N, C-alpha and C. Protein backbone atom coordinates (compact mmCIF):
# COMPACT_ATOMS: atom_id res chain seq x y z
N MET A 1 -7.52 -2.26 -23.86
CA MET A 1 -8.58 -2.59 -22.85
C MET A 1 -7.86 -2.81 -21.50
N ALA A 2 -6.62 -3.27 -21.45
CA ALA A 2 -5.84 -3.53 -20.22
C ALA A 2 -5.55 -2.25 -19.59
N TYR A 3 -5.28 -1.21 -20.39
CA TYR A 3 -5.03 0.23 -19.86
C TYR A 3 -6.38 0.66 -19.27
N VAL A 4 -7.44 0.58 -19.99
CA VAL A 4 -8.64 1.09 -19.47
C VAL A 4 -9.13 0.40 -18.19
N LEU A 5 -8.85 -0.94 -18.13
CA LEU A 5 -9.23 -1.65 -16.90
C LEU A 5 -8.32 -1.18 -15.73
N GLY A 6 -7.10 -0.87 -15.92
CA GLY A 6 -6.22 -0.32 -14.95
C GLY A 6 -6.61 1.07 -14.52
N PHE A 7 -7.09 1.88 -15.36
CA PHE A 7 -7.59 3.19 -14.98
C PHE A 7 -8.88 3.12 -14.27
N PHE A 8 -9.71 2.09 -14.60
CA PHE A 8 -10.98 1.94 -13.94
C PHE A 8 -10.75 1.50 -12.48
N TYR A 9 -9.80 0.59 -12.28
CA TYR A 9 -9.47 0.11 -10.86
C TYR A 9 -9.05 1.33 -10.00
N ALA A 10 -8.29 2.26 -10.65
CA ALA A 10 -7.94 3.35 -9.91
C ALA A 10 -8.96 4.40 -9.75
N ASP A 11 -9.73 4.72 -10.77
CA ASP A 11 -10.56 5.90 -10.76
C ASP A 11 -11.86 5.74 -11.43
N GLY A 12 -12.33 4.53 -11.50
CA GLY A 12 -13.66 4.37 -12.11
C GLY A 12 -14.77 4.21 -11.03
N THR A 13 -16.02 4.23 -11.56
CA THR A 13 -17.19 4.08 -10.72
C THR A 13 -17.92 2.80 -11.23
N PHE A 14 -18.55 2.13 -10.28
CA PHE A 14 -19.42 1.04 -10.44
C PHE A 14 -20.53 1.00 -9.64
N ASP A 15 -21.69 0.76 -10.23
CA ASP A 15 -22.95 0.80 -9.32
C ASP A 15 -24.02 -0.15 -9.97
N ILE A 16 -24.79 -0.86 -9.04
CA ILE A 16 -25.96 -1.47 -9.43
C ILE A 16 -27.13 -0.81 -8.74
N ASN A 17 -28.06 -0.16 -9.51
CA ASN A 17 -29.11 0.59 -8.79
C ASN A 17 -30.14 -0.29 -8.29
N PRO A 18 -31.03 0.28 -7.47
CA PRO A 18 -32.22 -0.49 -6.87
C PRO A 18 -33.09 -1.26 -7.89
N ARG A 19 -33.14 -0.78 -9.11
CA ARG A 19 -33.85 -1.48 -10.15
C ARG A 19 -33.10 -2.57 -10.90
N GLY A 20 -31.88 -2.73 -10.37
CA GLY A 20 -31.05 -3.85 -10.97
C GLY A 20 -30.27 -3.46 -12.26
N SER A 21 -30.10 -2.22 -12.55
CA SER A 21 -29.47 -1.75 -13.64
C SER A 21 -27.88 -1.61 -13.33
N TYR A 22 -27.14 -1.98 -14.26
CA TYR A 22 -25.69 -1.98 -14.03
C TYR A 22 -25.03 -0.87 -14.79
N TYR A 23 -24.11 -0.13 -14.02
CA TYR A 23 -23.37 0.96 -14.66
C TYR A 23 -21.94 1.03 -14.30
N PHE A 24 -21.08 1.42 -15.13
CA PHE A 24 -19.77 1.74 -14.83
C PHE A 24 -19.29 2.97 -15.54
N GLY A 25 -18.29 3.60 -15.10
CA GLY A 25 -17.95 4.87 -15.65
C GLY A 25 -16.73 5.54 -15.12
N PHE A 26 -16.44 6.80 -15.63
CA PHE A 26 -15.30 7.51 -15.33
C PHE A 26 -15.76 9.01 -15.17
N HIS A 27 -15.16 9.66 -14.22
CA HIS A 27 -15.38 11.11 -13.95
C HIS A 27 -14.05 11.79 -13.67
N ILE A 28 -13.38 12.34 -14.81
CA ILE A 28 -12.06 12.75 -14.65
C ILE A 28 -11.98 14.13 -15.33
N CYS A 29 -10.70 14.67 -15.26
CA CYS A 29 -10.47 16.14 -15.72
C CYS A 29 -9.84 16.11 -17.04
N ASP A 30 -9.44 14.90 -17.66
CA ASP A 30 -8.65 14.81 -18.81
C ASP A 30 -9.59 14.41 -19.97
N LYS A 31 -10.10 15.37 -20.67
CA LYS A 31 -11.14 15.16 -21.69
C LYS A 31 -10.49 14.30 -22.88
N ASP A 32 -9.34 14.65 -23.31
CA ASP A 32 -8.87 13.82 -24.57
C ASP A 32 -8.71 12.35 -24.12
N LEU A 33 -8.21 12.12 -22.99
CA LEU A 33 -8.08 10.67 -22.55
C LEU A 33 -9.42 9.98 -22.43
N LEU A 34 -10.34 10.65 -21.90
CA LEU A 34 -11.61 10.01 -21.75
C LEU A 34 -12.28 9.65 -23.19
N PHE A 35 -12.11 10.59 -24.09
CA PHE A 35 -12.56 10.27 -25.40
C PHE A 35 -11.80 9.04 -26.01
N SER A 36 -10.55 8.99 -25.80
CA SER A 36 -9.77 7.95 -26.29
C SER A 36 -10.24 6.63 -25.63
N MET A 37 -10.45 6.57 -24.35
CA MET A 37 -10.91 5.39 -23.67
C MET A 37 -12.24 4.98 -24.20
N ARG A 38 -13.13 5.92 -24.52
CA ARG A 38 -14.51 5.70 -25.04
C ARG A 38 -14.27 5.05 -26.39
N ARG A 39 -13.39 5.37 -27.23
CA ARG A 39 -13.13 4.70 -28.48
C ARG A 39 -12.72 3.30 -28.31
N VAL A 40 -11.77 3.03 -27.27
CA VAL A 40 -11.37 1.68 -27.07
C VAL A 40 -12.57 0.80 -26.58
N LEU A 41 -13.41 1.34 -25.86
CA LEU A 41 -14.60 0.65 -25.37
C LEU A 41 -15.65 0.53 -26.44
N GLU A 42 -15.38 1.08 -27.56
CA GLU A 42 -16.43 1.11 -28.72
C GLU A 42 -17.77 1.57 -28.23
N SER A 43 -17.83 2.60 -27.49
CA SER A 43 -18.99 3.20 -26.93
C SER A 43 -19.25 4.58 -27.75
N ASN A 44 -20.62 4.72 -27.78
CA ASN A 44 -21.06 6.04 -28.30
C ASN A 44 -21.86 6.79 -27.21
N HIS A 45 -21.79 6.41 -25.98
CA HIS A 45 -22.37 7.14 -24.84
C HIS A 45 -21.84 8.59 -24.72
N LYS A 46 -22.70 9.39 -24.39
CA LYS A 46 -22.40 10.84 -24.19
C LYS A 46 -21.29 11.07 -23.09
N ILE A 47 -20.39 11.96 -23.42
CA ILE A 47 -19.49 12.45 -22.41
C ILE A 47 -20.02 13.93 -21.98
N SER A 48 -20.31 13.97 -20.75
CA SER A 48 -20.88 15.18 -20.17
C SER A 48 -19.75 15.91 -19.45
N GLU A 49 -19.97 17.33 -19.15
CA GLU A 49 -19.04 18.09 -18.44
C GLU A 49 -19.73 18.96 -17.43
N ARG A 50 -18.94 19.16 -16.34
CA ARG A 50 -19.40 20.12 -15.32
C ARG A 50 -18.29 20.74 -14.61
N LYS A 51 -18.54 21.95 -14.04
CA LYS A 51 -17.55 22.65 -13.31
C LYS A 51 -17.44 22.21 -11.90
N VAL A 52 -16.21 22.11 -11.44
CA VAL A 52 -16.03 21.76 -10.01
C VAL A 52 -16.04 23.01 -9.17
N LYS A 53 -16.94 23.24 -8.30
CA LYS A 53 -17.03 24.63 -7.70
C LYS A 53 -15.73 25.04 -6.99
N LYS A 54 -15.12 24.14 -6.36
CA LYS A 54 -13.96 24.54 -5.51
C LYS A 54 -12.96 25.26 -6.38
N ASN A 55 -12.58 24.92 -7.58
CA ASN A 55 -11.57 25.58 -8.28
C ASN A 55 -11.96 25.84 -9.73
N GLU A 56 -13.28 25.75 -9.93
CA GLU A 56 -13.95 26.11 -11.26
C GLU A 56 -13.26 25.38 -12.46
N SER A 57 -12.68 24.22 -12.14
CA SER A 57 -12.07 23.39 -13.29
C SER A 57 -13.17 22.47 -13.82
N LEU A 58 -12.97 22.01 -15.07
CA LEU A 58 -14.01 21.23 -15.69
C LEU A 58 -13.61 19.68 -15.43
N ARG A 59 -14.61 18.84 -15.18
CA ARG A 59 -14.48 17.53 -15.14
C ARG A 59 -15.42 16.80 -16.15
N TYR A 60 -15.09 15.64 -16.69
CA TYR A 60 -15.78 15.04 -17.73
C TYR A 60 -16.21 13.67 -17.32
N ARG A 61 -17.45 13.26 -17.63
CA ARG A 61 -18.05 12.09 -17.16
C ARG A 61 -18.62 11.24 -18.21
N LEU A 62 -18.11 9.95 -18.23
CA LEU A 62 -18.70 8.96 -19.12
C LEU A 62 -19.30 7.83 -18.24
N GLN A 63 -20.56 7.56 -18.45
CA GLN A 63 -21.22 6.44 -17.86
C GLN A 63 -21.86 5.41 -18.76
N ILE A 64 -21.55 4.17 -18.56
CA ILE A 64 -21.97 3.13 -19.55
C ILE A 64 -22.82 2.20 -18.88
N GLY A 65 -24.03 1.83 -19.39
CA GLY A 65 -24.96 0.92 -18.79
C GLY A 65 -24.70 -0.42 -19.52
N SER A 66 -24.16 -1.42 -18.97
CA SER A 66 -24.00 -2.72 -19.63
C SER A 66 -23.82 -3.81 -18.57
N LYS A 67 -24.90 -4.56 -18.45
CA LYS A 67 -24.73 -5.69 -17.48
C LYS A 67 -23.67 -6.67 -17.80
N LYS A 68 -23.52 -6.91 -19.15
CA LYS A 68 -22.49 -7.89 -19.50
C LYS A 68 -21.11 -7.51 -19.17
N MET A 69 -20.72 -6.16 -19.35
CA MET A 69 -19.40 -5.65 -19.06
C MET A 69 -19.25 -5.64 -17.50
N CYS A 70 -20.25 -5.31 -16.88
CA CYS A 70 -20.22 -5.17 -15.33
C CYS A 70 -20.06 -6.55 -14.68
N GLU A 71 -20.69 -7.58 -15.35
CA GLU A 71 -20.51 -8.98 -14.94
C GLU A 71 -19.09 -9.39 -15.16
N ASP A 72 -18.55 -9.03 -16.30
CA ASP A 72 -17.03 -9.21 -16.55
C ASP A 72 -16.29 -8.68 -15.48
N LEU A 73 -16.49 -7.33 -15.03
CA LEU A 73 -15.71 -6.81 -14.02
C LEU A 73 -15.88 -7.53 -12.72
N ILE A 74 -17.03 -7.90 -12.43
CA ILE A 74 -17.33 -8.69 -11.20
C ILE A 74 -16.52 -10.01 -11.29
N GLY A 75 -16.35 -10.67 -12.45
CA GLY A 75 -15.56 -11.90 -12.62
C GLY A 75 -14.15 -11.58 -12.37
N LEU A 76 -13.75 -10.43 -12.47
CA LEU A 76 -12.26 -10.05 -12.23
C LEU A 76 -12.13 -9.63 -10.81
N GLY A 77 -13.14 -9.70 -10.05
CA GLY A 77 -12.92 -9.34 -8.56
C GLY A 77 -13.42 -7.97 -8.16
N MET A 78 -14.23 -7.21 -9.16
CA MET A 78 -14.72 -5.89 -8.75
C MET A 78 -16.12 -5.91 -8.21
N THR A 79 -16.32 -4.98 -7.30
CA THR A 79 -17.62 -4.97 -6.67
C THR A 79 -17.94 -3.57 -6.54
N PRO A 80 -19.38 -3.16 -6.47
CA PRO A 80 -19.75 -1.82 -6.06
C PRO A 80 -19.14 -1.36 -4.73
N GLY A 81 -18.69 -0.10 -4.65
CA GLY A 81 -17.99 0.37 -3.42
C GLY A 81 -16.63 -0.28 -3.48
N LYS A 82 -15.97 -0.22 -4.66
CA LYS A 82 -14.96 -1.14 -5.00
C LYS A 82 -13.53 -0.88 -4.23
N THR A 83 -13.34 0.28 -3.85
CA THR A 83 -11.92 0.60 -3.38
C THR A 83 -11.43 -0.27 -2.38
N ARG A 84 -12.11 -0.53 -1.29
CA ARG A 84 -11.60 -1.31 -0.21
C ARG A 84 -11.79 -2.76 -0.35
N ARG A 85 -12.54 -3.19 -1.42
CA ARG A 85 -12.82 -4.67 -1.55
C ARG A 85 -12.11 -5.34 -2.83
N MET A 86 -11.75 -4.39 -3.69
CA MET A 86 -11.15 -4.94 -4.96
C MET A 86 -9.92 -5.73 -4.70
N THR A 87 -9.73 -6.81 -5.58
CA THR A 87 -8.51 -7.57 -5.50
C THR A 87 -7.78 -7.46 -6.77
N PHE A 88 -6.53 -7.64 -6.86
CA PHE A 88 -5.70 -7.48 -8.05
C PHE A 88 -6.10 -8.56 -9.06
N PRO A 89 -6.46 -8.17 -10.32
CA PRO A 89 -6.97 -9.13 -11.28
C PRO A 89 -5.92 -9.93 -11.87
N LYS A 90 -6.25 -11.07 -12.52
CA LYS A 90 -5.33 -11.86 -13.26
C LYS A 90 -5.03 -11.33 -14.55
N ILE A 91 -3.97 -10.75 -14.75
CA ILE A 91 -3.64 -10.06 -16.11
C ILE A 91 -2.56 -10.74 -16.85
N PRO A 92 -2.78 -11.16 -18.17
CA PRO A 92 -1.67 -11.78 -18.90
C PRO A 92 -0.48 -11.00 -18.77
N SER A 93 0.71 -11.64 -18.78
CA SER A 93 1.91 -10.95 -18.60
C SER A 93 2.17 -9.85 -19.63
N LEU A 94 1.81 -10.10 -20.98
CA LEU A 94 2.01 -9.22 -21.98
C LEU A 94 1.15 -7.90 -21.78
N MET A 95 0.07 -7.93 -21.06
CA MET A 95 -0.79 -6.84 -20.92
C MET A 95 -0.58 -6.15 -19.60
N LEU A 96 0.22 -6.70 -18.71
CA LEU A 96 0.47 -6.11 -17.38
C LEU A 96 1.06 -4.69 -17.45
N PRO A 97 1.97 -4.44 -18.29
CA PRO A 97 2.44 -2.98 -18.42
C PRO A 97 1.39 -2.01 -18.63
N ASP A 98 0.36 -2.38 -19.55
CA ASP A 98 -0.70 -1.53 -19.90
C ASP A 98 -1.63 -1.35 -18.74
N PHE A 99 -1.92 -2.44 -17.96
CA PHE A 99 -2.78 -2.29 -16.77
C PHE A 99 -2.17 -1.37 -15.78
N ILE A 100 -0.81 -1.55 -15.47
CA ILE A 100 -0.06 -0.75 -14.50
C ILE A 100 -0.08 0.66 -14.95
N ARG A 101 0.16 0.92 -16.25
CA ARG A 101 0.13 2.32 -16.72
C ARG A 101 -1.28 3.02 -16.49
N GLY A 102 -2.26 2.23 -16.73
CA GLY A 102 -3.69 2.76 -16.61
C GLY A 102 -3.88 2.98 -15.17
N TYR A 103 -3.47 2.05 -14.26
CA TYR A 103 -3.68 2.37 -12.80
C TYR A 103 -2.85 3.52 -12.39
N PHE A 104 -1.58 3.62 -12.79
CA PHE A 104 -0.80 4.83 -12.47
C PHE A 104 -1.34 6.11 -12.92
N ASP A 105 -1.89 6.12 -14.19
CA ASP A 105 -2.60 7.37 -14.60
C ASP A 105 -3.78 7.76 -13.80
N GLY A 106 -4.42 6.75 -13.22
CA GLY A 106 -5.60 7.11 -12.38
C GLY A 106 -5.26 7.43 -11.01
N ASP A 107 -4.35 6.63 -10.32
CA ASP A 107 -4.14 6.86 -8.91
C ASP A 107 -2.59 7.05 -8.64
N GLY A 108 -1.72 7.27 -9.62
CA GLY A 108 -0.37 7.47 -9.47
C GLY A 108 0.11 8.93 -9.63
N ASN A 109 1.39 9.19 -9.10
CA ASN A 109 2.00 10.45 -9.04
C ASN A 109 3.45 10.36 -9.31
N VAL A 110 3.97 11.24 -9.99
CA VAL A 110 5.44 11.31 -10.26
C VAL A 110 6.08 12.71 -9.84
N TRP A 111 7.01 12.66 -9.07
CA TRP A 111 7.59 13.90 -8.40
C TRP A 111 9.12 13.92 -8.76
N VAL A 112 9.53 15.09 -9.29
CA VAL A 112 10.92 15.33 -9.59
C VAL A 112 11.45 16.52 -8.79
N GLY A 113 12.64 16.32 -8.20
CA GLY A 113 13.13 17.50 -7.27
C GLY A 113 14.43 17.13 -6.82
N TYR A 114 14.95 18.06 -5.94
CA TYR A 114 16.33 17.90 -5.24
C TYR A 114 16.23 17.50 -3.82
N ILE A 115 17.09 16.67 -3.33
CA ILE A 115 17.15 16.42 -1.85
C ILE A 115 18.77 16.72 -1.53
N ASN A 116 18.99 16.59 -0.18
CA ASN A 116 20.29 16.96 0.35
C ASN A 116 20.73 18.39 -0.08
N HIS A 117 19.93 19.30 0.30
CA HIS A 117 20.11 20.67 -0.05
C HIS A 117 21.38 21.25 0.73
N ASP A 118 21.71 20.57 1.86
CA ASP A 118 22.91 21.08 2.62
C ASP A 118 24.17 20.76 1.99
N ARG A 119 24.23 19.99 0.89
CA ARG A 119 25.48 19.58 0.20
C ARG A 119 25.82 20.63 -0.88
N VAL A 120 27.01 20.62 -1.33
CA VAL A 120 27.48 21.52 -2.39
C VAL A 120 26.63 21.30 -3.60
N ARG A 121 26.44 20.02 -3.93
CA ARG A 121 25.45 19.74 -5.07
C ARG A 121 24.31 18.91 -4.61
N PRO A 122 23.14 19.42 -4.41
CA PRO A 122 22.02 18.64 -4.10
C PRO A 122 21.73 17.58 -5.10
N THR A 123 21.05 16.53 -4.62
CA THR A 123 20.84 15.32 -5.42
C THR A 123 19.43 15.37 -6.14
N LEU A 124 19.49 15.23 -7.43
CA LEU A 124 18.36 15.17 -8.32
C LEU A 124 17.72 13.88 -8.20
N VAL A 125 16.42 13.79 -7.82
CA VAL A 125 15.74 12.50 -7.65
C VAL A 125 14.28 12.47 -8.45
N ILE A 126 13.87 11.34 -8.57
CA ILE A 126 12.44 11.11 -9.07
C ILE A 126 11.77 10.06 -8.27
N GLN A 127 10.55 10.28 -7.93
CA GLN A 127 9.85 9.34 -7.13
C GLN A 127 8.49 9.04 -7.90
N ALA A 128 8.02 7.83 -8.00
CA ALA A 128 6.78 7.48 -8.54
C ALA A 128 5.85 6.83 -7.47
N THR A 129 4.69 7.18 -7.30
CA THR A 129 4.01 6.81 -6.17
C THR A 129 2.57 6.29 -6.57
N PHE A 130 2.04 5.18 -6.01
CA PHE A 130 0.70 4.74 -6.25
C PHE A 130 -0.05 4.90 -4.90
N THR A 131 -1.21 5.44 -4.91
CA THR A 131 -1.96 5.67 -3.74
C THR A 131 -3.34 4.89 -3.81
N SER A 132 -3.74 4.36 -2.66
CA SER A 132 -5.00 3.57 -2.74
C SER A 132 -5.52 3.48 -1.25
N GLY A 133 -6.93 3.26 -1.11
CA GLY A 133 -7.52 3.03 0.08
C GLY A 133 -7.53 1.60 0.45
N ASN A 134 -6.80 0.81 -0.41
CA ASN A 134 -6.87 -0.61 -0.30
C ASN A 134 -5.36 -1.12 -0.11
N ARG A 135 -4.92 -1.39 1.07
CA ARG A 135 -3.55 -1.74 1.43
C ARG A 135 -3.17 -3.10 0.65
N LYS A 136 -4.10 -4.02 0.76
CA LYS A 136 -3.84 -5.37 0.20
C LYS A 136 -3.56 -5.26 -1.40
N PHE A 137 -4.36 -4.41 -1.97
CA PHE A 137 -4.25 -4.15 -3.44
C PHE A 137 -2.87 -3.81 -3.73
N LEU A 138 -2.42 -2.81 -2.99
CA LEU A 138 -0.99 -2.22 -3.19
C LEU A 138 0.07 -3.28 -2.95
N GLU A 139 -0.17 -4.09 -1.98
CA GLU A 139 0.79 -5.16 -1.62
C GLU A 139 0.80 -6.11 -2.84
N GLU A 140 -0.28 -6.44 -3.36
CA GLU A 140 -0.33 -7.36 -4.66
C GLU A 140 0.29 -6.64 -5.74
N LEU A 141 0.06 -5.29 -6.01
CA LEU A 141 0.73 -4.62 -7.04
C LEU A 141 2.22 -4.65 -6.90
N LYS A 142 2.68 -4.44 -5.66
CA LYS A 142 4.20 -4.49 -5.40
C LYS A 142 4.74 -5.83 -5.73
N LYS A 143 4.06 -6.87 -5.51
CA LYS A 143 4.56 -8.28 -5.87
C LYS A 143 4.63 -8.35 -7.39
N GLU A 144 3.66 -7.80 -8.12
CA GLU A 144 3.71 -7.82 -9.53
C GLU A 144 4.82 -7.04 -10.11
N LEU A 145 4.99 -5.89 -9.49
CA LEU A 145 6.14 -4.99 -9.93
C LEU A 145 7.47 -5.81 -9.68
N ASN A 146 7.73 -6.35 -8.59
CA ASN A 146 8.89 -7.08 -8.32
C ASN A 146 9.11 -8.13 -9.31
N SER A 147 7.99 -8.74 -9.68
CA SER A 147 8.14 -9.90 -10.61
C SER A 147 8.62 -9.52 -12.08
N ILE A 148 8.47 -8.22 -12.33
CA ILE A 148 8.85 -7.77 -13.69
C ILE A 148 10.09 -6.82 -13.74
N GLY A 149 10.88 -6.85 -12.63
CA GLY A 149 12.13 -6.13 -12.61
C GLY A 149 12.34 -4.99 -11.70
N ILE A 150 11.20 -4.63 -10.99
CA ILE A 150 11.42 -3.54 -9.96
C ILE A 150 11.74 -4.14 -8.70
N VAL A 151 12.92 -3.67 -8.17
CA VAL A 151 13.60 -4.41 -6.97
C VAL A 151 12.89 -3.98 -5.69
N GLY A 152 12.73 -2.69 -5.47
CA GLY A 152 12.21 -2.11 -4.23
C GLY A 152 10.76 -1.79 -4.12
N GLY A 153 10.52 -0.65 -3.51
CA GLY A 153 9.20 -0.20 -3.32
C GLY A 153 8.78 -0.13 -1.82
N GLY A 154 8.68 1.03 -1.31
CA GLY A 154 8.22 1.20 0.12
C GLY A 154 6.77 1.37 0.23
N LEU A 155 6.18 0.63 1.13
CA LEU A 155 4.80 0.67 1.36
C LEU A 155 4.46 1.40 2.74
N PHE A 156 3.65 2.48 2.57
CA PHE A 156 3.33 3.38 3.81
C PHE A 156 1.88 3.16 3.96
N VAL A 157 1.40 3.00 5.25
CA VAL A 157 0.08 2.88 5.59
C VAL A 157 -0.29 4.07 6.60
N SER A 158 -1.22 4.85 6.37
CA SER A 158 -1.55 5.85 7.26
C SER A 158 -2.02 5.43 8.62
N SER A 159 -1.80 6.23 9.63
CA SER A 159 -2.12 5.79 11.02
C SER A 159 -3.57 5.51 11.10
N SER A 160 -4.39 6.18 10.33
CA SER A 160 -5.86 5.93 10.44
C SER A 160 -6.23 4.69 9.56
N GLY A 161 -5.39 4.36 8.74
CA GLY A 161 -5.76 3.14 7.81
C GLY A 161 -6.54 3.48 6.70
N ASP A 162 -6.82 4.92 6.47
CA ASP A 162 -7.70 5.33 5.41
C ASP A 162 -7.04 5.21 3.99
N PHE A 163 -5.68 5.28 3.94
CA PHE A 163 -5.13 5.12 2.69
C PHE A 163 -3.60 4.51 2.81
N SER A 164 -3.20 4.02 1.72
CA SER A 164 -1.79 3.49 1.77
C SER A 164 -1.08 3.97 0.45
N ARG A 165 0.29 3.99 0.57
CA ARG A 165 1.09 4.52 -0.57
C ARG A 165 2.17 3.62 -0.81
N LEU A 166 2.35 3.36 -2.16
CA LEU A 166 3.59 2.56 -2.57
C LEU A 166 4.43 3.56 -3.36
N THR A 167 5.67 3.76 -2.84
CA THR A 167 6.64 4.65 -3.40
C THR A 167 7.77 3.98 -3.96
N LEU A 168 8.21 4.44 -5.27
CA LEU A 168 9.40 3.76 -5.96
C LEU A 168 10.41 4.98 -6.01
N SER A 169 11.61 4.77 -5.52
CA SER A 169 12.66 5.72 -5.63
C SER A 169 13.29 5.71 -7.03
N THR A 170 14.33 6.51 -7.16
CA THR A 170 14.80 6.84 -8.56
C THR A 170 14.93 5.67 -9.46
N LEU A 171 15.83 4.71 -9.13
CA LEU A 171 16.07 3.60 -10.04
C LEU A 171 14.84 2.83 -10.37
N ASP A 172 14.06 2.51 -9.37
CA ASP A 172 12.86 1.84 -9.54
C ASP A 172 11.75 2.59 -10.34
N ALA A 173 11.78 3.90 -10.12
CA ALA A 173 10.88 4.84 -10.94
C ALA A 173 11.25 4.86 -12.38
N LEU A 174 12.43 4.83 -12.66
CA LEU A 174 12.94 4.83 -14.04
C LEU A 174 12.62 3.47 -14.73
N LYS A 175 12.68 2.40 -13.99
CA LYS A 175 12.40 1.14 -14.39
C LYS A 175 10.88 1.05 -14.76
N LEU A 176 10.04 1.61 -13.81
CA LEU A 176 8.66 1.71 -14.06
C LEU A 176 8.30 2.43 -15.37
N SER A 177 8.99 3.46 -15.60
CA SER A 177 8.81 4.34 -16.75
C SER A 177 9.15 3.39 -18.03
N GLU A 178 10.16 2.61 -18.00
CA GLU A 178 10.49 1.67 -19.18
C GLU A 178 9.47 0.74 -19.31
N ILE A 179 8.96 0.20 -18.21
CA ILE A 179 7.85 -0.88 -18.36
C ILE A 179 6.55 -0.24 -18.86
N MET A 180 6.25 0.95 -18.43
CA MET A 180 4.95 1.50 -18.74
C MET A 180 4.93 2.07 -20.12
N TYR A 181 5.99 2.55 -20.63
CA TYR A 181 6.03 3.33 -21.95
C TYR A 181 6.76 2.55 -23.04
N ASN A 182 7.12 1.43 -22.79
CA ASN A 182 7.90 0.53 -23.84
C ASN A 182 6.93 0.31 -25.05
N GLY A 183 7.38 0.38 -26.21
CA GLY A 183 6.53 0.08 -27.31
C GLY A 183 5.73 1.21 -27.74
N ARG A 184 5.91 2.48 -27.31
CA ARG A 184 5.11 3.63 -27.70
C ARG A 184 3.54 3.41 -27.59
N PRO A 185 3.04 3.25 -26.43
CA PRO A 185 1.63 3.06 -26.30
C PRO A 185 0.91 4.29 -26.66
N LYS A 186 -0.39 4.16 -27.09
CA LYS A 186 -1.32 5.15 -27.52
C LYS A 186 -2.10 5.79 -26.35
N LEU A 187 -2.26 5.08 -25.25
CA LEU A 187 -2.98 5.61 -24.20
C LEU A 187 -2.11 5.78 -23.00
N TYR A 188 -2.06 7.12 -22.70
CA TYR A 188 -1.29 7.48 -21.42
C TYR A 188 -1.51 8.99 -21.09
N LEU A 189 -1.37 9.40 -19.89
CA LEU A 189 -1.49 10.76 -19.61
C LEU A 189 -0.24 11.52 -19.89
N ARG A 190 -0.27 12.43 -20.84
CA ARG A 190 0.96 13.01 -21.36
C ARG A 190 1.74 13.77 -20.28
N ARG A 191 1.00 14.36 -19.32
CA ARG A 191 1.65 15.27 -18.25
C ARG A 191 2.50 14.29 -17.43
N LYS A 192 2.11 13.17 -17.14
CA LYS A 192 2.86 12.21 -16.26
C LYS A 192 4.13 11.76 -17.05
N LYS A 193 3.86 11.31 -18.26
CA LYS A 193 5.03 10.75 -19.05
C LYS A 193 6.07 11.89 -19.24
N LEU A 194 5.57 13.12 -19.40
CA LEU A 194 6.55 14.26 -19.55
C LEU A 194 7.42 14.47 -18.35
N ARG A 195 6.97 14.17 -17.17
CA ARG A 195 7.75 14.36 -15.99
C ARG A 195 8.95 13.29 -15.98
N PHE A 196 8.73 12.09 -16.45
CA PHE A 196 9.70 11.04 -16.54
C PHE A 196 10.74 11.61 -17.51
N ASP A 197 10.23 12.08 -18.76
CA ASP A 197 11.14 12.46 -19.82
C ASP A 197 11.95 13.71 -19.39
N GLN A 198 11.36 14.64 -18.71
CA GLN A 198 12.13 15.72 -18.20
C GLN A 198 13.21 15.42 -17.23
N PHE A 199 12.94 14.43 -16.39
CA PHE A 199 14.03 14.06 -15.49
C PHE A 199 15.13 13.38 -16.18
N LYS A 200 14.93 12.56 -17.24
CA LYS A 200 15.95 12.00 -17.95
C LYS A 200 16.92 13.00 -18.66
N LYS A 201 16.19 14.05 -19.15
CA LYS A 201 16.95 15.20 -19.83
C LYS A 201 17.64 15.88 -18.85
N MET A 202 17.15 16.13 -17.62
CA MET A 202 17.96 16.88 -16.56
C MET A 202 19.10 16.15 -16.08
N ARG A 203 19.09 14.84 -16.19
CA ARG A 203 20.32 14.05 -15.73
C ARG A 203 21.43 13.96 -16.76
N GLU A 204 21.09 14.37 -18.06
CA GLU A 204 22.17 14.17 -19.13
C GLU A 204 23.27 15.18 -18.92
């Protein structure tokens, strides 16, 4: 559930319609992950699919109507139109890695490549990045990461203020990987974990 909450904070939807009905859900391209999250939520709600016209890819949608669960989200600091107003929730320390992994799978990115191409041997690096329209949330996330062993983290705010980005360089990115995947978790995006694993093999 901590993972699902983290994913929701990154990429979920939350709405109270004019009739007072409460809904939350997900609209993502990873079908298997969405089915796994539905099992965790103990839901039997339908997962629908539709093509995105721009690139003809499929996206999958799960919407759950539950006033109780939405009120729980509100109690954690969530609101409709959540991105710019959400605050970092109070997460028990044992569950924090799962929440962070969920948030990373929703709004994170991992990049592997070479820098210093002018040298005889370019440097292989990895970067992990969290992106959000809420600068304060990323500041709070950075504090939480620092509290569990990640030393650095550079915070960039766009000139327009529309988005912010928290970037972890190689050593901190590897520490993030250890934090997120320790204990062989069942819920994670395989393509993102694979990038961390590939980097470790390339360094051997």
